[in-house]
């Protein structure tokens, strides 16, 4: 799996005055951490929904690009 890199041109800290915007790698890292938390919650909710709908761990694992054992260990 290749890792995507954050484009420094879009890693800005929003401020009220557009003239004061600057590149902020730390802000980009904090935003990435917050996104990871949101994605994790979305994955958990989707897995819960899939299980309630009758999907097997094999189905879930396949849809997530992993094994049924890995999906069950992570979300079960």
PDB file of N, CA and C in Angstrom:
ATOM      1  N   UNK A   1       0.845  -1.165   0.000  1.00  0.00           N
ATOM      2  CA  UNK A   1       0.000   0.000   0.000  1.00  0.00           C
ATOM      3  C   UNK A   1       0.897   1.237   0.000  1.00  0.00           C
ATOM      4  N   UNK A   2       0.650   2.149  -0.913  1.00  0.00           N
ATOM      5  CA  UNK A   2       1.446   3.363  -0.941  1.00  0.00           C
ATOM      6  C   UNK A   2       0.786   4.428  -0.075  1.00  0.00           C
ATOM      7  N   UNK A   3       1.624   5.205   0.566  1.00  0.00           N
ATOM      8  CA  UNK A   3       1.109   6.280   1.407  1.00  0.00           C
ATOM      9  C   UNK A   3       1.009   7.552   0.601  1.00  0.00           C
ATOM     10  N   UNK A   4      -0.077   8.253   0.766  1.00  0.00           N
ATOM     11  CA  UNK A   4      -0.234   9.535   0.107  1.00  0.00           C
ATOM     12  C   UNK A   4       0.445  10.602   0.943  1.00  0.00           C
ATOM     13  N   UNK A   5       1.014  11.554   0.276  1.00  0.00           N
ATOM     14  CA  UNK A   5       1.676  12.646   0.964  1.00  0.00           C
ATOM     15  C   UNK A   5       0.767  13.870   0.948  1.00  0.00           C
ATOM     16  N   UNK A   6       0.824  14.623   2.016  1.00  0.00           N
ATOM     17  CA  UNK A   6       0.049  15.850   2.096  1.00  0.00           C
ATOM     18  C   UNK A   6       0.701  16.887   1.200  1.00  0.00           C
ATOM     19  N   UNK A   7      -0.079  17.505   0.342  1.00  0.00           N
ATOM     20  CA  UNK A   7       0.416  18.561  -0.512  1.00  0.00           C
ATOM     21  C   UNK A   7       0.619  19.814   0.330  1.00  0.00           C
ATOM     22  N   UNK A   8       1.855  20.303   0.472  1.00  0.00           N
ATOM     23  CA  UNK A   8       2.084  21.471   1.330  1.00  0.00           C
ATOM     24  C   UNK A   8       1.358  22.714   0.851  1.00  0.00           C
ATOM     25  N   UNK A   9       0.961  22.748  -0.416  1.00  0.00           N
ATOM     26  CA  UNK A   9       0.234  23.907  -0.920  1.00  0.00           C
ATOM     27  C   UNK A   9      -1.179  23.992  -0.358  1.00  0.00           C
ATOM     28  N   UNK A  10      -1.705  22.878   0.159  1.00  0.00           N
ATOM     29  CA  UNK A  10      -3.062  22.904   0.713  1.00  0.00           C
ATOM     30  C   UNK A  10      -3.079  22.744   2.223  1.00  0.00           C
ATOM     31  N   UNK A  11      -1.912  22.683   2.847  1.00  0.00           N
ATOM     32  CA  UNK A  11      -1.825  22.521   4.303  1.00  0.00           C
ATOM     33  C   UNK A  11      -1.749  23.898   4.967  1.00  0.00           C
ATOM     34  N   UNK A  12      -2.832  24.622   4.908  1.00  0.00           N
ATOM     35  CA  UNK A  12      -2.886  25.960   5.469  1.00  0.00           C
ATOM     36  C   UNK A  12      -3.636  25.954   6.786  1.00  0.00           C
ATOM     37  N   UNK A  13      -3.259  26.888   7.654  1.00  0.00           N
ATOM     38  CA  UNK A  13      -4.034  27.130   8.863  1.00  0.00           C
ATOM     39  C   UNK A  13      -5.005  28.250   8.526  1.00  0.00           C
ATOM     40  N   UNK A  14      -6.311  28.016   8.661  1.00  0.00           N
ATOM     41  CA  UNK A  14      -7.250  29.076   8.344  1.00  0.00           C
ATOM     42  C   UNK A  14      -7.172  30.197   9.374  1.00  0.00           C
ATOM     43  N   UNK A  15      -7.106  31.403   8.915  1.00  0.00           N
ATOM     44  CA  UNK A  15      -7.121  32.573   9.789  1.00  0.00           C
ATOM     45  C   UNK A  15      -8.099  33.573   9.182  1.00  0.00           C
ATOM     46  N   UNK A  16      -8.533  34.533   9.996  1.00  0.00           N
ATOM     47  CA  UNK A  16      -9.513  35.507   9.532  1.00  0.00           C
ATOM     48  C   UNK A  16      -8.956  36.374   8.399  1.00  0.00           C
ATOM     49  N   UNK A  17      -7.686  36.698   8.465  1.00  0.00           N
ATOM     50  CA  UNK A  17      -7.058  37.560   7.461  1.00  0.00           C
ATOM     51  C   UNK A  17      -6.330  36.706   6.430  1.00  0.00           C
ATOM     52  N   UNK A  18      -6.853  36.615   5.193  1.00  0.00           N
ATOM     53  CA  UNK A  18      -6.221  35.765   4.172  1.00  0.00           C
ATOM     54  C   UNK A  18      -4.773  36.123   3.896  1.00  0.00           C
ATOM     55  N   UNK A  19      -4.380  37.363   4.148  1.00  0.00           N
ATOM     56  CA  UNK A  19      -2.992  37.774   3.917  1.00  0.00           C
ATOM     57  C   UNK A  19      -2.037  37.117   4.914  1.00  0.00           C
ATOM     58  N   UNK A  20      -2.547  36.628   6.021  1.00  0.00           N
ATOM     59  CA  UNK A  20      -1.700  36.037   7.063  1.00  0.00           C
ATOM     60  C   UNK A  20      -1.626  34.520   6.983  1.00  0.00           C
ATOM     61  N   UNK A  21      -2.276  33.913   6.002  1.00  0.00           N
ATOM     62  CA  UNK A  21      -2.222  32.456   5.880  1.00  0.00           C
ATOM     63  C   UNK A  21      -0.784  32.025   5.624  1.00  0.00           C
ATOM     64  N   UNK A  22      -0.419  30.923   6.208  1.00  0.00           N
ATOM     65  CA  UNK A  22       0.931  30.419   6.026  1.00  0.00           C
ATOM     66  C   UNK A  22       0.904  28.894   6.031  1.00  0.00           C
ATOM     67  N   UNK A  23       1.931  28.305   5.478  1.00  0.00           N
ATOM     68  CA  UNK A  23       2.041  26.851   5.524  1.00  0.00           C
ATOM     69  C   UNK A  23       2.267  26.431   6.960  1.00  0.00           C
ATOM     70  N   UNK A  24       1.608  25.365   7.377  1.00  0.00           N
ATOM     71  CA  UNK A  24       1.736  24.904   8.748  1.00  0.00           C
ATOM     72  C   UNK A  24       1.733  23.384   8.777  1.00  0.00           C
ATOM     73  N   UNK A  25       2.918  22.764   8.732  1.00  0.00           N
ATOM     74  CA  UNK A  25       2.966  21.289   8.764  1.00  0.00           C
ATOM     75  C   UNK A  25       2.338  20.710  10.026  1.00  0.00           C
ATOM     76  N   UNK A  26       2.509  21.370  11.169  1.00  0.00           N
ATOM     77  CA  UNK A  26       1.917  20.865  12.400  1.00  0.00           C
ATOM     78  C   UNK A  26       0.395  20.868  12.298  1.00  0.00           C
ATOM     79  N   UNK A  27      -0.168  21.927  11.729  1.00  0.00           N
ATOM     80  CA  UNK A  27      -1.618  21.969  11.533  1.00  0.00           C
ATOM     81  C   UNK A  27      -2.093  20.866  10.613  1.00  0.00           C
ATOM     82  N   UNK A  28      -1.299  20.565   9.585  1.00  0.00           N
ATOM     83  CA  UNK A  28      -1.646  19.479   8.666  1.00  0.00           C
ATOM     84  C   UNK A  28      -1.631  18.140   9.395  1.00  0.00           C
ATOM     85  N   UNK A  29      -0.661  17.944  10.283  1.00  0.00           N
ATOM     86  CA  UNK A  29      -0.596  16.691  11.046  1.00  0.00           C
ATOM     87  C   UNK A  29      -1.773  16.560  12.001  1.00  0.00           C
ATOM     88  N   UNK A  30      -2.143  17.644  12.649  1.00  0.00           N
ATOM     89  CA  UNK A  30      -3.299  17.615  13.559  1.00  0.00           C
ATOM     90  C   UNK A  30      -4.560  17.308  12.756  1.00  0.00           C
ATOM     91  N   UNK A  31      -4.716  17.935  11.593  1.00  0.00           N
ATOM     92  CA  UNK A  31      -5.882  17.671  10.755  1.00  0.00           C
ATOM     93  C   UNK A  31      -5.912  16.217  10.309  1.00  0.00           C
ATOM     94  N   UNK A  32      -4.761  15.663   9.947  1.00  0.00           N
ATOM     95  CA  UNK A  32      -4.692  14.257   9.529  1.00  0.00           C
ATOM     96  C   UNK A  32      -5.101  13.334  10.674  1.00  0.00           C
ATOM     97  N   UNK A  33      -4.661  13.644  11.890  1.00  0.00           N
ATOM     98  CA  UNK A  33      -5.042  12.827  13.050  1.00  0.00           C
ATOM     99  C   UNK A  33      -6.548  12.892  13.276  1.00  0.00           C
ATOM    100  N   UNK A  34      -7.123  14.087  13.158  1.00  0.00           N
ATOM    101  CA  UNK A  34      -8.564  14.228  13.338  1.00  0.00           C
ATOM    102  C   UNK A  34      -9.337  13.481  12.259  1.00  0.00           C
ATOM    103  N   UNK A  35      -8.848  13.539  11.026  1.00  0.00           N
ATOM    104  CA  UNK A  35      -9.494  12.777   9.946  1.00  0.00           C
ATOM    105  C   UNK A  35      -9.414  11.280  10.198  1.00  0.00           C
ATOM    106  N   UNK A  36      -8.258  10.815  10.692  1.00  0.00           N
ATOM    107  CA  UNK A  36      -8.098   9.389  10.999  1.00  0.00           C
ATOM    108  C   UNK A  36      -9.125   8.954  12.040  1.00  0.00           C
ATOM    109  N   UNK A  37      -9.371   9.792  13.029  1.00  0.00           N
ATOM    110  CA  UNK A  37     -10.361   9.482  14.061  1.00  0.00           C
ATOM    111  C   UNK A  37     -11.757   9.392  13.451  1.00  0.00           C
ATOM    112  N   UNK A  38     -12.089  10.344  12.582  1.00  0.00           N
ATOM    113  CA  UNK A  38     -13.405  10.326  11.929  1.00  0.00           C
ATOM    114  C   UNK A  38     -13.571   9.113  11.024  1.00  0.00           C
ATOM    115  N   UNK A  39     -12.527   8.777  10.280  1.00  0.00           N
ATOM    116  CA  UNK A  39     -12.587   7.606   9.393  1.00  0.00           C
ATOM    117  C   UNK A  39     -12.748   6.333  10.217  1.00  0.00           C
ATOM    118  N   UNK A  40     -12.036   6.234  11.324  1.00  0.00           N
ATOM    119  CA  UNK A  40     -12.164   5.058  12.185  1.00  0.00           C
ATOM    120  C   UNK A  40     -13.579   4.885  12.707  1.00  0.00           C
ATOM    121  N   UNK A  41     -14.192   5.995  13.107  1.00  0.00           N
ATOM    122  CA  UNK A  41     -15.572   5.929  13.595  1.00  0.00           C
ATOM    123  C   UNK A  41     -16.522   5.539  12.468  1.00  0.00           C
ATOM    124  N   UNK A  42     -16.285   6.072  11.273  1.00  0.00           N
ATOM    125  CA  UNK A  42     -17.138   5.727  10.126  1.00  0.00           C
ATOM    126  C   UNK A  42     -17.002   4.252   9.774  1.00  0.00           C
ATOM    127  N   UNK A  43     -15.771   3.724   9.810  1.00  0.00           N
ATOM    128  CA  UNK A  43     -15.560   2.296   9.538  1.00  0.00           C
ATOM    129  C   UNK A  43     -16.276   1.439  10.570  1.00  0.00           C
ATOM    130  N   UNK A  44     -16.156   1.809  11.833  1.00  0.00           N
ATOM    131  CA  UNK A  44     -16.807   1.040  12.893  1.00  0.00           C
ATOM    132  C   UNK A  44     -18.319   1.027  12.700  1.00  0.00           C
ATOM    133  N   UNK A  45     -18.888   2.188  12.404  1.00  0.00           N
ATOM    134  CA  UNK A  45     -20.338   2.268  12.178  1.00  0.00           C
ATOM    135  C   UNK A  45     -20.759   1.431  10.966  1.00  0.00           C
ATOM    136  N   UNK A  46     -19.964   1.475   9.899  1.00  0.00           N
ATOM    137  CA  UNK A  46     -20.293   0.711   8.689  1.00  0.00           C
ATOM    138  C   UNK A  46     -20.219  -0.788   8.956  1.00  0.00           C
ATOM    139  N   UNK A  47     -19.233  -1.211   9.724  1.00  0.00           N
ATOM    140  CA  UNK A  47     -19.115  -2.635  10.058  1.00  0.00           C
ATOM    141  C   UNK A  47     -20.294  -3.068  10.925  1.00  0.00           C
ATOM    142  N   UNK A  48     -20.657  -2.249  11.893  1.00  0.00           N
ATOM    143  CA  UNK A  48     -21.811  -2.569  12.744  1.00  0.00           C
ATOM    144  C   UNK A  48     -23.068  -2.709  11.898  1.00  0.00           C
ATOM    145  N   UNK A  49     -23.264  -1.785  10.981  1.00  0.00           N
ATOM    146  CA  UNK A  49     -24.421  -1.815  10.084  1.00  0.00           C
ATOM    147  C   UNK A  49     -24.385  -3.063   9.213  1.00  0.00           C
ATOM    148  N   UNK A  50     -23.210  -3.380   8.666  1.00  0.00           N
ATOM    149  CA  UNK A  50     -23.080  -4.572   7.816  1.00  0.00           C
ATOM    150  C   UNK A  50     -23.393  -5.842   8.603  1.00  0.00           C
ATOM    151  N   UNK A  51     -22.906  -5.947   9.816  1.00  0.00           N
ATOM    152  CA  UNK A  51     -23.179  -7.130  10.643  1.00  0.00           C
ATOM    153  C   UNK A  51     -24.673  -7.234  10.944  1.00  0.00           C
ATOM    154  N   UNK A  52     -25.300  -6.106  11.255  1.00  0.00           N
ATOM    155  CA  UNK A  52     -26.739  -6.114  11.538  1.00  0.00           C
ATOM    156  C   UNK A  52     -27.539  -6.488  10.298  1.00  0.00           C
ATOM    157  N   UNK A  53     -26.980  -6.203   9.117  1.00  0.00           N
ATOM    158  CA  UNK A  53     -27.651  -6.539   7.861  1.00  0.00           C
ATOM    159  C   UNK A  53     -27.361  -7.971   7.427  1.00  0.00           C
ATOM    160  N   UNK A  54     -26.568  -8.698   8.214  1.00  0.00           N
ATOM    161  CA  UNK A  54     -26.322 -10.104   7.921  1.00  0.00           C
ATOM    162  C   UNK A  54     -25.047 -10.404   7.155  1.00  0.00           C
ATOM    163  N   UNK A  55     -24.194  -9.417   6.945  1.00  0.00           N
ATOM    164  CA  UNK A  55     -22.933  -9.671   6.254  1.00  0.00           C
ATOM    165  C   UNK A  55     -22.041 -10.535   7.127  1.00  0.00           C
ATOM    166  N   UNK A  56     -21.297 -11.416   6.486  1.00  0.00           N
ATOM    167  CA  UNK A  56     -20.345 -12.255   7.215  1.00  0.00           C
ATOM    168  C   UNK A  56     -19.035 -11.477   7.399  1.00  0.00           C
ATOM    169  N   UNK A  57     -18.198 -12.002   8.302  1.00  0.00           N
ATOM    170  CA  UNK A  57     -16.879 -11.392   8.484  1.00  0.00           C
ATOM    171  C   UNK A  57     -16.056 -11.510   7.206  1.00  0.00           C
ATOM    172  N   UNK A  58     -16.268 -12.572   6.451  1.00  0.00           N
ATOM    173  CA  UNK A  58     -15.572 -12.725   5.167  1.00  0.00           C
ATOM    174  C   UNK A  58     -15.986 -11.628   4.194  1.00  0.00           C
ATOM    175  N   UNK A  59     -17.300 -11.321   4.140  1.00  0.00           N
ATOM    176  CA  UNK A  59     -17.792 -10.230   3.292  1.00  0.00           C
ATOM    177  C   UNK A  59     -17.153  -8.900   3.684  1.00  0.00           C
ATOM    178  N   UNK A  60     -17.149  -8.641   4.979  1.00  0.00           N
ATOM    179  CA  UNK A  60     -16.612  -7.375   5.487  1.00  0.00           C
ATOM    180  C   UNK A  60     -15.117  -7.294   5.222  1.00  0.00           C
ATOM    181  N   UNK A  61     -14.413  -8.366   5.521  1.00  0.00           N
ATOM    182  CA  UNK A  61     -12.974  -8.378   5.273  1.00  0.00           C
ATOM    183  C   UNK A  61     -12.648  -8.134   3.817  1.00  0.00           C
ATOM    184  N   UNK A  62     -13.376  -8.796   2.931  1.00  0.00           N
ATOM    185  CA  UNK A  62     -13.135  -8.625   1.492  1.00  0.00           C
ATOM    186  C   UNK A  62     -13.388  -7.185   1.065  1.00  0.00           C
ATOM    187  N   UNK A  63     -14.464  -6.587   1.576  1.00  0.00           N
ATOM    188  CA  UNK A  63     -14.789  -5.213   1.186  1.00  0.00           C
ATOM    189  C   UNK A  63     -13.755  -4.220   1.706  1.00  0.00           C
ATOM    190  N   UNK A  64     -13.050  -4.601   2.768  1.00  0.00           N
ATOM    191  CA  UNK A  64     -12.032  -3.719   3.342  1.00  0.00           C
ATOM    192  C   UNK A  64     -10.621  -4.086   2.880  1.00  0.00           C
ATOM    193  N   UNK A  65     -10.525  -5.088   2.015  1.00  0.00           N
ATOM    194  CA  UNK A  65      -9.217  -5.475   1.500  1.00  0.00           C
ATOM    195  C   UNK A  65      -8.363  -6.225   2.503  1.00  0.00           C
ATOM    196  N   UNK A  66      -9.022  -6.991   3.360  1.00  0.00           N
ATOM    197  CA  UNK A  66      -8.297  -7.747   4.382  1.00  0.00           C
ATOM    198  C   UNK A  66      -8.973  -9.103   4.562  1.00  0.00           C
ATOM    199  N   UNK A  67      -8.471  -9.894   5.475  1.00  0.00           N
ATOM    200  CA  UNK A  67      -9.058 -11.204   5.719  1.00  0.00           C
ATOM    201  C   UNK A  67     -10.242 -11.088   6.687  1.00  0.00           C
ATOM    202  N   UNK A  68     -11.039 -12.166   6.718  1.00  0.00           N
ATOM    203  CA  UNK A  68     -12.150 -12.157   7.670  1.00  0.00           C
ATOM    204  C   UNK A  68     -11.628 -12.149   9.099  1.00  0.00           C
ATOM    205  N   UNK A  69     -10.515 -12.824   9.335  1.00  0.00           N
ATOM    206  CA  UNK A  69      -9.941 -12.855  10.684  1.00  0.00           C
ATOM    207  C   UNK A  69      -9.489 -11.468  11.115  1.00  0.00           C
ATOM    208  N   UNK A  70      -8.834 -10.758  10.213  1.00  0.00           N
ATOM    209  CA  UNK A  70      -8.359  -9.410  10.553  1.00  0.00           C
ATOM    210  C   UNK A  70      -9.532  -8.466  10.824  1.00  0.00           C
ATOM    211  N   UNK A  71     -10.584  -8.573  10.011  1.00  0.00           N
ATOM    212  CA  UNK A  71     -11.767  -7.726  10.219  1.00  0.00           C
ATOM    213  C   UNK A  71     -12.427  -8.038  11.551  1.00  0.00           C
ATOM    214  N   UNK A  72     -12.544  -9.318  11.858  1.00  0.00           N
ATOM    215  CA  UNK A  72     -13.196  -9.705  13.113  1.00  0.00           C
ATOM    216  C   UNK A  72     -12.352  -9.288  14.311  1.00  0.00           C
ATOM    217  N   UNK A  73     -11.039  -9.430  14.216  1.00  0.00           N
ATOM    218  CA  UNK A  73     -10.173  -9.010  15.330  1.00  0.00           C
ATOM    219  C   UNK A  73     -10.238  -7.513  15.547  1.00  0.00           C
ATOM    220  N   UNK A  74     -10.324  -6.766  14.465  1.00  0.00           N
ATOM    221  CA  UNK A  74     -10.345  -5.314  14.567  1.00  0.00           C
ATOM    222  C   UNK A  74     -11.682  -4.760  15.046  1.00  0.00           C
ATOM    223  N   UNK A  75     -12.775  -5.361  14.558  1.00  0.00           N
ATOM    224  CA  UNK A  75     -14.097  -4.785  14.814  1.00  0.00           C
ATOM    225  C   UNK A  75     -15.017  -5.675  15.647  1.00  0.00           C
ATOM    226  N   UNK A  76     -14.653  -6.943  15.819  1.00  0.00           N
ATOM    227  CA  UNK A  76     -15.544  -7.881  16.469  1.00  0.00           C
ATOM    228  C   UNK A  76     -15.601  -7.821  17.951  1.00  0.00           C
TER     229      UNK A  76
END
